[in-house]
Amino acid sequence: YRLTLQPEITYANEGSKQQGIPPNASSSTY
């Protein structure tokens, strides 16, 4: 009465963003 099972199949965009200054950068603005 209260329980259901829900299988799904989905297509999803995932990931992340990251930023920083490379160790060999000549300037902090790089």
Full PDB file with SEQRES, HELIX, SHEET, SSBOND, CRYST1, ORIGX, SCALE, CONECT and MASTER records, all heavy atoms in Angstrom:
SEQRES   1 A   30  TYR ARG LEU THR LEU GLN PRO GLU ILE THR TYR ALA ASN          
SEQRES   2 A   30  GLU GLY SER LYS GLN GLN GLY ILE PRO PRO ASN ALA SER          
SEQRES   3 A   30  SER SER THR TYR                                              
CRYST1    1.000    1.000    1.000  90.00  90.00  90.00 P 1           1          
ORIGX1      1.000000  0.000000  0.000000        0.00000                         
ORIGX2      0.000000  1.000000  0.000000        0.00000                         
ORIGX3      0.000000  0.000000  1.000000        0.00000                         
SCALE1      1.000000  0.000000  0.000000        0.00000                         
SCALE2      0.000000  1.000000  0.000000        0.00000                         
SCALE3      0.000000  0.000000  1.000000        0.00000                         
ATOM      1  N   TYR A   1       0.828  -1.209   0.000  1.00  0.00           N  
ATOM      2  CA  TYR A   1       0.000   0.000   0.000  1.00  0.00           C  
ATOM      3  C   TYR A   1       0.862   1.258   0.000  1.00  0.00           C  
ATOM      4  O   TYR A   1       0.555   2.246  -0.678  1.00  0.00           O  
ATOM      5  CB  TYR A   1      -0.929   0.000   1.206  1.00  0.00           C  
ATOM      6  CG  TYR A   1      -1.744   1.277   1.344  1.00  0.00           C  
ATOM      7  CD1 TYR A   1      -2.705   1.621   0.396  1.00  0.00           C  
ATOM      8  CD2 TYR A   1      -1.542   2.137   2.426  1.00  0.00           C  
ATOM      9  CE1 TYR A   1      -3.436   2.787   0.507  1.00  0.00           C  
ATOM     10  CE2 TYR A   1      -2.273   3.307   2.555  1.00  0.00           C  
ATOM     11  CZ  TYR A   1      -3.212   3.628   1.595  1.00  0.00           C  
ATOM     12  OH  TYR A   1      -3.933   4.782   1.718  1.00  0.00           O  
ATOM     13  N   ARG A   2       1.982   1.244   0.744  1.00  0.00           N  
ATOM     14  CA  ARG A   2       2.810   2.446   0.869  1.00  0.00           C  
ATOM     15  C   ARG A   2       4.186   2.322   0.206  1.00  0.00           C  
ATOM     16  O   ARG A   2       4.867   3.322   0.031  1.00  0.00           O  
ATOM     17  CB  ARG A   2       2.992   2.816   2.345  1.00  0.00           C  
ATOM     18  CG  ARG A   2       1.696   3.270   3.008  1.00  0.00           C  
ATOM     19  CD  ARG A   2       1.953   3.898   4.358  1.00  0.00           C  
ATOM     20  NE  ARG A   2       0.716   4.309   5.009  1.00  0.00           N  
ATOM     21  CZ  ARG A   2       0.113   5.472   4.820  1.00  0.00           C  
ATOM     22  NH1 ARG A   2       0.639   6.350   3.986  1.00  0.00           N  
ATOM     23  NH2 ARG A   2      -1.004   5.774   5.453  1.00  0.00           N  
ATOM     24  N   LEU A   3       4.601   1.121  -0.124  1.00  0.00           N  
ATOM     25  CA  LEU A   3       5.924   0.927  -0.678  1.00  0.00           C  
ATOM     26  C   LEU A   3       5.875   0.706  -2.191  1.00  0.00           C  
ATOM     27  O   LEU A   3       5.043  -0.057  -2.686  1.00  0.00           O  
ATOM     28  CB  LEU A   3       6.617  -0.263  -0.026  1.00  0.00           C  
ATOM     29  CG  LEU A   3       7.017  -0.128   1.442  1.00  0.00           C  
ATOM     30  CD1 LEU A   3       7.664  -1.415   1.937  1.00  0.00           C  
ATOM     31  CD2 LEU A   3       7.973   1.056   1.650  1.00  0.00           C  
ATOM     32  N   THR A   4       6.771   1.385  -2.895  1.00  0.00           N  
ATOM     33  CA  THR A   4       6.926   1.161  -4.331  1.00  0.00           C  
ATOM     34  C   THR A   4       8.415   1.056  -4.642  1.00  0.00           C  
ATOM     35  O   THR A   4       9.266   1.573  -3.907  1.00  0.00           O  
ATOM     36  CB  THR A   4       6.319   2.303  -5.167  1.00  0.00           C  
ATOM     37  OG1 THR A   4       6.923   3.552  -4.773  1.00  0.00           O  
ATOM     38  CG2 THR A   4       4.824   2.387  -4.986  1.00  0.00           C  
ATOM     39  N   LEU A   5       8.712   0.373  -5.736  1.00  0.00           N  
ATOM     40  CA  LEU A   5      10.088   0.285  -6.216  1.00  0.00           C  
ATOM     41  C   LEU A   5      10.164   1.042  -7.534  1.00  0.00           C  
ATOM     42  O   LEU A   5       9.328   0.830  -8.412  1.00  0.00           O  
ATOM     43  CB  LEU A   5      10.496  -1.166  -6.413  1.00  0.00           C  
ATOM     44  CG  LEU A   5      11.999  -1.384  -6.595  1.00  0.00           C  
ATOM     45  CD1 LEU A   5      12.721  -1.227  -5.259  1.00  0.00           C  
ATOM     46  CD2 LEU A   5      12.281  -2.745  -7.184  1.00  0.00           C  
ATOM     47  N   GLN A   6      11.159   1.918  -7.653  1.00  0.00           N  
ATOM     48  CA  GLN A   6      11.245   2.743  -8.855  1.00  0.00           C  
ATOM     49  C   GLN A   6      12.615   2.615  -9.525  1.00  0.00           C  
ATOM     50  O   GLN A   6      13.551   3.334  -9.196  1.00  0.00           O  
ATOM     51  CB  GLN A   6      10.962   4.214  -8.526  1.00  0.00           C  
ATOM     52  CG  GLN A   6      10.963   5.115  -9.775  1.00  0.00           C  
ATOM     53  CD  GLN A   6      10.298   6.435  -9.534  1.00  0.00           C  
ATOM     54  OE1 GLN A   6       9.081   6.508  -9.330  1.00  0.00           O  
ATOM     55  NE2 GLN A   6      11.074   7.501  -9.570  1.00  0.00           N  
ATOM     56  N   PRO A   7      12.753   1.696 -10.488  1.00  0.00           N  
ATOM     57  CA  PRO A   7      13.959   1.670 -11.326  1.00  0.00           C  
ATOM     58  C   PRO A   7      13.892   2.820 -12.334  1.00  0.00           C  
ATOM     59  O   PRO A   7      12.820   3.179 -12.807  1.00  0.00           O  
ATOM     60  CB  PRO A   7      13.894   0.309 -12.014  1.00  0.00           C  
ATOM     61  CG  PRO A   7      12.781  -0.439 -11.345  1.00  0.00           C  
ATOM     62  CD  PRO A   7      11.856   0.568 -10.786  1.00  0.00           C  
ATOM     63  N   GLU A   8      15.044   3.348 -12.660  1.00  0.00           N  
ATOM     64  CA  GLU A   8      15.122   4.442 -13.621  1.00  0.00           C  
ATOM     65  C   GLU A   8      16.321   4.230 -14.539  1.00  0.00           C  
ATOM     66  O   GLU A   8      17.266   3.503 -14.208  1.00  0.00           O  
ATOM     67  CB  GLU A   8      15.300   5.788 -12.897  1.00  0.00           C  
ATOM     68  CG  GLU A   8      14.262   6.095 -11.856  1.00  0.00           C  
ATOM     69  CD  GLU A   8      14.579   7.365 -11.082  1.00  0.00           C  
ATOM     70  OE1 GLU A   8      15.595   8.030 -11.401  1.00  0.00           O  
ATOM     71  OE2 GLU A   8      13.839   7.684 -10.148  1.00  0.00           O  
ATOM     72  N   ILE A   9      16.299   4.880 -15.659  1.00  0.00           N  
ATOM     73  CA  ILE A   9      17.488   5.003 -16.500  1.00  0.00           C  
ATOM     74  C   ILE A   9      17.580   6.455 -16.943  1.00  0.00           C  
ATOM     75  O   ILE A   9      16.629   6.995 -17.526  1.00  0.00           O  
ATOM     76  CB  ILE A   9      17.468   4.033 -17.704  1.00  0.00           C  
ATOM     77  CG1 ILE A   9      18.741   4.196 -18.536  1.00  0.00           C  
ATOM     78  CG2 ILE A   9      16.208   4.186 -18.551  1.00  0.00           C  
ATOM     79  CD1 ILE A   9      18.968   3.090 -19.539  1.00  0.00           C  
ATOM     80  N   THR A  10      18.675   7.114 -16.607  1.00  0.00           N  
ATOM     81  CA  THR A  10      18.798   8.548 -16.853  1.00  0.00           C  
ATOM     82  C   THR A  10      20.127   8.868 -17.523  1.00  0.00           C  
ATOM     83  O   THR A  10      21.115   8.135 -17.383  1.00  0.00           O  
ATOM     84  CB  THR A  10      18.701   9.358 -15.541  1.00  0.00           C  
ATOM     85  OG1 THR A  10      19.784   8.988 -14.672  1.00  0.00           O  
ATOM     86  CG2 THR A  10      17.388   9.092 -14.833  1.00  0.00           C  
ATOM     87  N   TYR A  11      20.135   9.973 -18.233  1.00  0.00           N  
ATOM     88  CA  TYR A  11      21.356  10.517 -18.829  1.00  0.00           C  
ATOM     89  C   TYR A  11      21.652  11.810 -18.087  1.00  0.00           C  
ATOM     90  O   TYR A  11      20.792  12.697 -17.999  1.00  0.00           O  
ATOM     91  CB  TYR A  11      21.144  10.781 -20.310  1.00  0.00           C  
ATOM     92  CG  TYR A  11      22.396  11.199 -21.044  1.00  0.00           C  
ATOM     93  CD1 TYR A  11      23.276  10.251 -21.560  1.00  0.00           C  
ATOM     94  CD2 TYR A  11      22.700  12.548 -21.219  1.00  0.00           C  
ATOM     95  CE1 TYR A  11      24.426  10.624 -22.243  1.00  0.00           C  
ATOM     96  CE2 TYR A  11      23.852  12.937 -21.898  1.00  0.00           C  
ATOM     97  CZ  TYR A  11      24.713  11.974 -22.405  1.00  0.00           C  
ATOM     98  OH  TYR A  11      25.854  12.356 -23.061  1.00  0.00           O  
ATOM     99  N   ALA A  12      22.862  11.934 -17.536  1.00  0.00           N  
ATOM    100  CA  ALA A  12      23.163  13.069 -16.671  1.00  0.00           C  
ATOM    101  C   ALA A  12      24.499  13.707 -17.018  1.00  0.00           C  
ATOM    102  O   ALA A  12      25.485  13.011 -17.303  1.00  0.00           O  
ATOM    103  CB  ALA A  12      23.168  12.630 -15.215  1.00  0.00           C  
ATOM    104  N   ASN A  13      24.519  15.046 -17.012  1.00  0.00           N  
ATOM    105  CA  ASN A  13      25.761  15.812 -17.139  1.00  0.00           C  
ATOM    106  C   ASN A  13      26.324  16.046 -15.743  1.00  0.00           C  
ATOM    107  O   ASN A  13      25.636  16.603 -14.882  1.00  0.00           O  
ATOM    108  CB  ASN A  13      25.500  17.170 -17.796  1.00  0.00           C  
ATOM    109  CG  ASN A  13      24.751  17.045 -19.104  1.00  0.00           C  
ATOM    110  OD1 ASN A  13      23.787  17.760 -19.316  1.00  0.00           O  
ATOM    111  ND2 ASN A  13      25.168  16.151 -19.976  1.00  0.00           N  
ATOM    112  N   GLU A  14      27.560  15.636 -15.530  1.00  0.00           N  
ATOM    113  CA  GLU A  14      28.190  15.810 -14.224  1.00  0.00           C  
ATOM    114  C   GLU A  14      29.595  16.367 -14.409  1.00  0.00           C  
ATOM    115  O   GLU A  14      30.040  16.601 -15.526  1.00  0.00           O  
ATOM    116  CB  GLU A  14      28.206  14.482 -13.460  1.00  0.00           C  
ATOM    117  CG  GLU A  14      26.816  13.896 -13.245  1.00  0.00           C  
ATOM    118  CD  GLU A  14      26.825  12.594 -12.462  1.00  0.00           C  
ATOM    119  OE1 GLU A  14      27.872  12.253 -11.879  1.00  0.00           O  
ATOM    120  OE2 GLU A  14      25.786  11.907 -12.452  1.00  0.00           O  
ATOM    121  N   GLY A  15      30.316  16.577 -13.304  1.00  0.00           N  
ATOM    122  CA  GLY A  15      31.677  17.079 -13.386  1.00  0.00           C  
ATOM    123  C   GLY A  15      31.983  18.077 -12.294  1.00  0.00           C  
ATOM    124  O   GLY A  15      31.344  18.092 -11.239  1.00  0.00           O  
ATOM    125  N   SER A  16      32.961  18.949 -12.560  1.00  0.00           N  
ATOM    126  CA  SER A  16      33.361  19.959 -11.583  1.00  0.00           C  
ATOM    127  C   SER A  16      34.195  21.031 -12.266  1.00  0.00           C  
ATOM    128  O   SER A  16      34.605  20.886 -13.424  1.00  0.00           O  
ATOM    129  CB  SER A  16      34.160  19.314 -10.437  1.00  0.00           C  
ATOM    130  OG  SER A  16      35.378  18.775 -10.927  1.00  0.00           O  
ATOM    131  N   LYS A  17      34.458  22.109 -11.531  1.00  0.00           N  
ATOM    132  CA  LYS A  17      35.318  23.197 -11.999  1.00  0.00           C  
ATOM    133  C   LYS A  17      36.417  23.431 -10.974  1.00  0.00           C  
ATOM    134  O   LYS A  17      36.190  23.346  -9.768  1.00  0.00           O  
ATOM    135  CB  LYS A  17      34.507  24.489 -12.191  1.00  0.00           C  
ATOM    136  CG  LYS A  17      33.452  24.407 -13.280  1.00  0.00           C  
ATOM    137  CD  LYS A  17      32.696  25.733 -13.398  1.00  0.00           C  
ATOM    138  CE  LYS A  17      31.633  25.674 -14.483  1.00  0.00           C  
ATOM    139  NZ  LYS A  17      30.889  26.960 -14.590  1.00  0.00           N  
ATOM    140  N   GLN A  18      37.609  23.743 -11.478  1.00  0.00           N  
ATOM    141  CA  GLN A  18      38.751  23.962 -10.585  1.00  0.00           C  
ATOM    142  C   GLN A  18      39.658  25.007 -11.198  1.00  0.00           C  
ATOM    143  O   GLN A  18      39.868  25.025 -12.410  1.00  0.00           O  
ATOM    144  CB  GLN A  18      39.506  22.652 -10.383  1.00  0.00           C  
ATOM    145  CG  GLN A  18      40.646  22.735  -9.372  1.00  0.00           C  
ATOM    146  CD  GLN A  18      41.452  21.452  -9.313  1.00  0.00           C  
ATOM    147  OE1 GLN A  18      41.515  20.713 -10.289  1.00  0.00           O  
ATOM    148  NE2 GLN A  18      42.080  21.176  -8.181  1.00  0.00           N  
ATOM    149  N   GLN A  19      40.207  25.881 -10.365  1.00  0.00           N  
ATOM    150  CA  GLN A  19      41.123  26.873 -10.892  1.00  0.00           C  
ATOM    151  C   GLN A  19      42.287  27.082  -9.932  1.00  0.00           C  
ATOM    152  O   GLN A  19      42.197  26.811  -8.746  1.00  0.00           O  
ATOM    153  CB  GLN A  19      40.423  28.197 -11.170  1.00  0.00           C  
ATOM    154  CG  GLN A  19      39.972  28.974  -9.937  1.00  0.00           C  
ATOM    155  CD  GLN A  19      39.339  30.298 -10.327  1.00  0.00           C  
ATOM    156  OE1 GLN A  19      38.475  30.361 -11.191  1.00  0.00           O  
ATOM    157  NE2 GLN A  19      39.775  31.355  -9.669  1.00  0.00           N  
ATOM    158  N   GLY A  20      43.399  27.575 -10.489  1.00  0.00           N  
ATOM    159  CA  GLY A  20      44.587  27.824  -9.685  1.00  0.00           C  
ATOM    160  C   GLY A  20      45.719  28.351 -10.537  1.00  0.00           C  
ATOM    161  O   GLY A  20      45.583  28.516 -11.761  1.00  0.00           O  
ATOM    162  N   ILE A  21      46.860  28.596  -9.912  1.00  0.00           N  
ATOM    163  CA  ILE A  21      48.043  29.110 -10.594  1.00  0.00           C  
ATOM    164  C   ILE A  21      49.041  27.972 -10.751  1.00  0.00           C  
ATOM    165  O   ILE A  21      49.442  27.362  -9.755  1.00  0.00           O  
ATOM    166  CB  ILE A  21      48.676  30.269  -9.803  1.00  0.00           C  
ATOM    167  CG1 ILE A  21      47.643  31.388  -9.591  1.00  0.00           C  
ATOM    168  CG2 ILE A  21      49.914  30.797 -10.524  1.00  0.00           C  
ATOM    169  CD1 ILE A  21      48.117  32.464  -8.642  1.00  0.00           C  
ATOM    170  N   PRO A  22      49.431  27.644 -11.980  1.00  0.00           N  
ATOM    171  CA  PRO A  22      50.412  26.567 -12.179  1.00  0.00           C  
ATOM    172  C   PRO A  22      51.731  26.878 -11.480  1.00  0.00           C  
ATOM    173  O   PRO A  22      52.105  28.049 -11.334  1.00  0.00           O  
ATOM    174  CB  PRO A  22      50.587  26.527 -13.700  1.00  0.00           C  
ATOM    175  CG  PRO A  22      49.379  27.198 -14.247  1.00  0.00           C  
ATOM    176  CD  PRO A  22      48.979  28.233 -13.239  1.00  0.00           C  
ATOM    177  N   PRO A  23      52.469  25.844 -11.027  1.00  0.00           N  
ATOM    178  CA  PRO A  23      53.736  26.067 -10.310  1.00  0.00           C  
ATOM    179  C   PRO A  23      54.763  26.856 -11.112  1.00  0.00           C  
ATOM    180  O   PRO A  23      55.567  27.598 -10.551  1.00  0.00           O  
ATOM    181  CB  PRO A  23      54.231  24.642 -10.035  1.00  0.00           C  
ATOM    182  CG  PRO A  23      53.008  23.799 -10.083  1.00  0.00           C  
ATOM    183  CD  PRO A  23      52.110  24.421 -11.100  1.00  0.00           C  
ATOM    184  N   ASN A  24      54.758  26.711 -12.456  1.00  0.00           N  
ATOM    185  CA  ASN A  24      55.761  27.399 -13.280  1.00  0.00           C  
ATOM    186  C   ASN A  24      55.248  28.708 -13.864  1.00  0.00           C  
ATOM    187  O   ASN A  24      55.845  29.253 -14.795  1.00  0.00           O  
ATOM    188  CB  ASN A  24      56.222  26.475 -14.410  1.00  0.00           C  
ATOM    189  CG  ASN A  24      55.053  26.026 -15.294  1.00  0.00           C  
ATOM    190  OD1 ASN A  24      53.897  26.247 -14.947  1.00  0.00           O  
ATOM    191  ND2 ASN A  24      55.374  25.391 -16.422  1.00  0.00           N  
ATOM    192  N   ALA A  25      54.142  29.230 -13.354  1.00  0.00           N  
ATOM    193  CA  ALA A  25      53.577  30.468 -13.898  1.00  0.00           C  
ATOM    194  C   ALA A  25      54.482  31.650 -13.595  1.00  0.00           C  
ATOM    195  O   ALA A  25      55.053  31.766 -12.503  1.00  0.00           O  
ATOM    196  CB  ALA A  25      52.194  30.704 -13.313  1.00  0.00           C  
ATOM    197  N   SER A  26      54.596  32.530 -14.568  1.00  0.00           N  
ATOM    198  CA  SER A  26      55.450  33.700 -14.404  1.00  0.00           C  
ATOM    199  C   SER A  26      54.757  34.838 -13.674  1.00  0.00           C  
ATOM    200  O   SER A  26      55.389  35.788 -13.239  1.00  0.00           O  
ATOM    201  CB  SER A  26      55.920  34.188 -15.780  1.00  0.00           C  
ATOM    202  OG  SER A  26      54.796  34.499 -16.600  1.00  0.00           O  
ATOM    203  N   SER A  27      53.431  34.748 -13.542  1.00  0.00           N  
ATOM    204  CA  SER A  27      52.669  35.819 -12.908  1.00  0.00           C  
ATOM    205  C   SER A  27      51.474  35.231 -12.168  1.00  0.00           C  
ATOM    206  O   SER A  27      50.934  34.198 -12.562  1.00  0.00           O  
ATOM    207  CB  SER A  27      52.189  36.823 -13.959  1.00  0.00           C  
ATOM    208  OG  SER A  27      51.260  37.733 -13.405  1.00  0.00           O  
ATOM    209  N   SER A  28      51.064  35.883 -11.094  1.00  0.00           N  
ATOM    210  CA  SER A  28      49.909  35.422 -10.321  1.00  0.00           C  
ATOM    211  C   SER A  28      48.605  35.633 -11.076  1.00  0.00           C  
ATOM    212  O   SER A  28      47.564  35.124 -10.679  1.00  0.00           O  
ATOM    213  CB  SER A  28      49.849  36.148  -8.972  1.00  0.00           C  
ATOM    214  OG  SER A  28      49.726  37.546  -9.168  1.00  0.00           O  
ATOM    215  N   THR A  29      48.666  36.439 -12.170  1.00  0.00           N  
ATOM    216  CA  THR A  29      47.464  36.651 -12.975  1.00  0.00           C  
ATOM    217  C   THR A  29      47.279  35.549 -14.010  1.00  0.00           C  
ATOM    218  O   THR A  29      46.276  35.506 -14.699  1.00  0.00           O  
ATOM    219  CB  THR A  29      47.527  38.008 -13.698  1.00  0.00           C  
ATOM    220  OG1 THR A  29      48.681  38.029 -14.550  1.00  0.00           O  
ATOM    221  CG2 THR A  29      47.624  39.147 -12.695  1.00  0.00           C  
ATOM    222  N   TYR A  30      48.263  34.651 -14.104  1.00  0.00           N  
ATOM    223  CA  TYR A  30      48.200  33.531 -15.050  1.00  0.00           C  
ATOM    224  C   TYR A  30      47.455  32.393 -14.361  1.00  0.00           C  
ATOM    225  O   TYR A  30      47.997  31.693 -13.510  1.00  0.00           O  
ATOM    226  CB  TYR A  30      49.620  33.115 -15.425  1.00  0.00           C  
ATOM    227  CG  TYR A  30      49.705  32.053 -16.510  1.00  0.00           C  
ATOM    228  CD1 TYR A  30      49.912  32.421 -17.844  1.00  0.00           C  
ATOM    229  CD2 TYR A  30      49.589  30.706 -16.208  1.00  0.00           C  
ATOM    230  CE1 TYR A  30      50.005  31.466 -18.838  1.00  0.00           C  
ATOM    231  CE2 TYR A  30      49.683  29.743 -17.199  1.00  0.00           C  
ATOM    232  CZ  TYR A  30      49.898  30.128 -18.498  1.00  0.00           C  
ATOM    233  OH  TYR A  30      49.991  29.182 -19.471  1.00  0.00           O  
TER     234      TYR A  30                                                      
MASTER        0    0    0    0    0    0    0    6  233    1    0    3          
END                                                                             
